Structures are given as C-alpha cells and as structure tokens.
Amino acid sequence: MTLTALRTAMIRFPLVAGTVVAGAAVAVLLAAGQESAAQWMTSAYALLLAIFRSGSMVKALRNGRWGIDLLAVTAIAATVAVGE
C-alpha cells in the first residue's frame, strides 16, 4: 500500500484509523507492563467513540428510526461503567 493510498484510507475511514492507532498504543502500554494505563486509555477512547456516535443516534431516534447505534452506544457505556 502506498503512502497516498494509506492517507486516503485514513481520511475516508477516520474511526477505523483512530481505532487502529488507539489499539497500537494500548498494545505498547500492555507490553510495557502498564495495564492500568492501557485500561484507562481504552475506556477513554470507547467513551469518546460513544459520544461521537450518540449524535447520529439521537438524530435517527428523532426521525423515528431505531438503529444499531442505540445498542452500540448502550453496550459501550455499560462496558466502561463496569470497568471492562
């Protein structure tokens, strides 16, 4: 994959790119023996993602559409709330 193709993919799919970067950072923290920091980083990223998706979820609910976003945001919030 060329650098241009990678840049285009990152612009086209920013959530995927962010998740890959966050996953790599968590892997580095785990390899360094920093389990607590890795869990905090994972939880923070998950909450940011849930907040981001909440906007589209609320918009869809206002239009009378129940979508998978409702389940996803609820699952993310519940998972972070119990410390997983």
C-alpha atoms as a PDB file:
ATOM      1  CA  MET A   1       0.000   0.000   0.000  1.00  0.00           C
ATOM      2  CA  THR A   2       1.410   3.350  -0.974  1.00  0.00           C
ATOM      3  CA  LEU A   3       1.570   6.320   1.351  1.00  0.00           C
ATOM      4  CA  THR A   4      -1.051   8.128  -0.723  1.00  0.00           C
ATOM      5  CA  ALA A   5      -3.444   5.173  -0.556  1.00  0.00           C
ATOM      6  CA  LEU A   6      -2.935   4.928   3.212  1.00  0.00           C
ATOM      7  CA  ARG A   7      -3.612   8.654   3.648  1.00  0.00           C
ATOM      8  CA  THR A   8      -6.765   8.380   1.506  1.00  0.00           C
ATOM      9  CA  ALA A   9      -7.995   5.418   3.557  1.00  0.00           C
ATOM     10  CA  MET A  10      -7.377   7.294   6.812  1.00  0.00           C
ATOM     11  CA  ILE A  11      -9.335  10.294   5.569  1.00  0.00           C
ATOM     12  CA  ARG A  12     -12.148   8.125   4.250  1.00  0.00           C
ATOM     13  CA  PHE A  13     -12.402   5.976   7.399  1.00  0.00           C
ATOM     14  CA  PRO A  14     -11.275   8.123  10.349  1.00  0.00           C
ATOM     15  CA  LEU A  15     -12.919   5.958  13.019  1.00  0.00           C
ATOM     16  CA  VAL A  16     -11.126   2.876  11.752  1.00  0.00           C
ATOM     17  CA  ALA A  17      -7.826   4.758  11.628  1.00  0.00           C
ATOM     18  CA  GLY A  18      -8.360   6.084  15.153  1.00  0.00           C
ATOM     19  CA  THR A  19      -9.191   2.628  16.435  1.00  0.00           C
ATOM     20  CA  VAL A  20      -6.043   1.159  14.877  1.00  0.00           C
ATOM     21  CA  VAL A  21      -3.904   3.917  16.420  1.00  0.00           C
ATOM     22  CA  ALA A  22      -5.574   3.525  19.826  1.00  0.00           C
ATOM     23  CA  GLY A  23      -5.163  -0.254  19.655  1.00  0.00           C
ATOM     24  CA  ALA A  24      -1.477   0.078  18.844  1.00  0.00           C
ATOM     25  CA  ALA A  25      -0.973   2.498  21.737  1.00  0.00           C
ATOM     26  CA  VAL A  26      -2.766   0.117  24.111  1.00  0.00           C
ATOM     27  CA  ALA A  27      -0.612  -2.773  22.867  1.00  0.00           C
ATOM     28  CA  VAL A  28       2.527  -0.750  23.601  1.00  0.00           C
ATOM     29  CA  LEU A  29       1.258   0.079  27.089  1.00  0.00           C
ATOM     30  CA  LEU A  30       0.452  -3.569  27.779  1.00  0.00           C
ATOM     31  CA  ALA A  31       3.856  -4.671  26.522  1.00  0.00           C
ATOM     32  CA  ALA A  32       5.439  -2.137  28.886  1.00  0.00           C
ATOM     33  CA  GLY A  33       3.507  -3.577  31.818  1.00  0.00           C
ATOM     34  CA  GLN A  34       1.180  -0.596  32.172  1.00  0.00           C
ATOM     35  CA  GLU A  35      -2.149  -2.459  32.430  1.00  0.00           C
ATOM     36  CA  SER A  36      -3.899   0.321  34.349  1.00  0.00           C
ATOM     37  CA  ALA A  37      -2.922   2.989  31.824  1.00  0.00           C
ATOM     38  CA  ALA A  38      -3.980   0.707  28.973  1.00  0.00           C
ATOM     39  CA  GLN A  39      -7.397   0.196  30.540  1.00  0.00           C
ATOM     40  CA  TRP A  40      -7.854   3.933  31.102  1.00  0.00           C
ATOM     41  CA  MET A  41      -6.869   4.689  27.514  1.00  0.00           C
ATOM     42  CA  THR A  42      -9.210   2.040  26.157  1.00  0.00           C
ATOM     43  CA  SER A  43     -12.081   3.312  28.304  1.00  0.00           C
ATOM     44  CA  ALA A  44     -11.469   6.924  27.294  1.00  0.00           C
ATOM     45  CA  TYR A  45     -11.380   6.022  23.599  1.00  0.00           C
ATOM     46  CA  ALA A  46     -14.549   3.943  23.918  1.00  0.00           C
ATOM     47  CA  LEU A  47     -16.373   6.805  25.653  1.00  0.00           C
ATOM     48  CA  LEU A  48     -15.236   9.301  23.012  1.00  0.00           C
ATOM     49  CA  LEU A  49     -16.474   6.963  20.317  1.00  0.00           C
ATOM     50  CA  ALA A  50     -19.813   6.511  22.123  1.00  0.00           C
ATOM     51  CA  ILE A  51     -20.236  10.278  22.461  1.00  0.00           C
ATOM     52  CA  PHE A  52     -19.429  10.725  18.775  1.00  0.00           C
ATOM     53  CA  ARG A  53     -21.968   8.067  17.745  1.00  0.00           C
ATOM     54  CA  SER A  54     -24.607   9.441  20.153  1.00  0.00           C
ATOM     55  CA  GLY A  55     -25.173  12.426  17.893  1.00  0.00           C
ATOM     56  CA  SER A  56     -26.232  10.321  14.934  1.00  0.00           C
ATOM     57  CA  MET A  57     -28.204   8.030  17.240  1.00  0.00           C
ATOM     58  CA  VAL A  58     -30.271  10.896  18.647  1.00  0.00           C
ATOM     59  CA  LYS A  59     -30.865  12.254  15.161  1.00  0.00           C
ATOM     60  CA  ALA A  60     -32.102   8.844  13.970  1.00  0.00           C
ATOM     61  CA  LEU A  61     -34.359   8.444  17.004  1.00  0.00           C
ATOM     62  CA  ARG A  62     -35.916  11.845  16.340  1.00  0.00           C
ATOM     63  CA  ASN A  63     -36.726  10.662  12.826  1.00  0.00           C
ATOM     64  CA  GLY A  64     -38.412   7.551  14.208  1.00  0.00           C
ATOM     65  CA  ARG A  65     -35.682   5.104  13.208  1.00  0.00           C
ATOM     66  CA  TRP A  66     -34.362   2.629  15.723  1.00  0.00           C
ATOM     67  CA  GLY A  67     -30.928   1.536  14.661  1.00  0.00           C
ATOM     68  CA  ILE A  68     -27.951  -0.446  15.783  1.00  0.00           C
ATOM     69  CA  ASP A  69     -26.359   2.756  17.122  1.00  0.00           C
ATOM     70  CA  LEU A  70     -28.671   2.627  20.137  1.00  0.00           C
ATOM     71  CA  LEU A  71     -27.456  -0.862  21.016  1.00  0.00           C
ATOM     72  CA  ALA A  72     -23.820   0.000  20.337  1.00  0.00           C
ATOM     73  CA  VAL A  73     -23.775   3.143  22.475  1.00  0.00           C
ATOM     74  CA  THR A  74     -25.583   1.356  25.314  1.00  0.00           C
ATOM     75  CA  ALA A  75     -23.140  -1.560  25.170  1.00  0.00           C
ATOM     76  CA  ILE A  76     -20.089   0.723  25.144  1.00  0.00           C
ATOM     77  CA  ALA A  77     -21.351   2.771  28.090  1.00  0.00           C
ATOM     78  CA  ALA A  78     -22.241  -0.343  30.097  1.00  0.00           C
ATOM     79  CA  THR A  79     -18.881  -1.963  29.395  1.00  0.00           C
ATOM     80  CA  VAL A  80     -16.953   1.118  30.523  1.00  0.00           C
ATOM     81  CA  ALA A  81     -19.218   1.507  33.575  1.00  0.00           C
ATOM     82  CA  VAL A  82     -18.310  -1.950  34.875  1.00  0.00           C
ATOM     83  CA  GLY A  83     -14.610  -1.468  34.130  1.00  0.00           C
ATOM     84  CA  GLU A  84     -14.168  -3.950  31.316  1.00  0.00           C
END
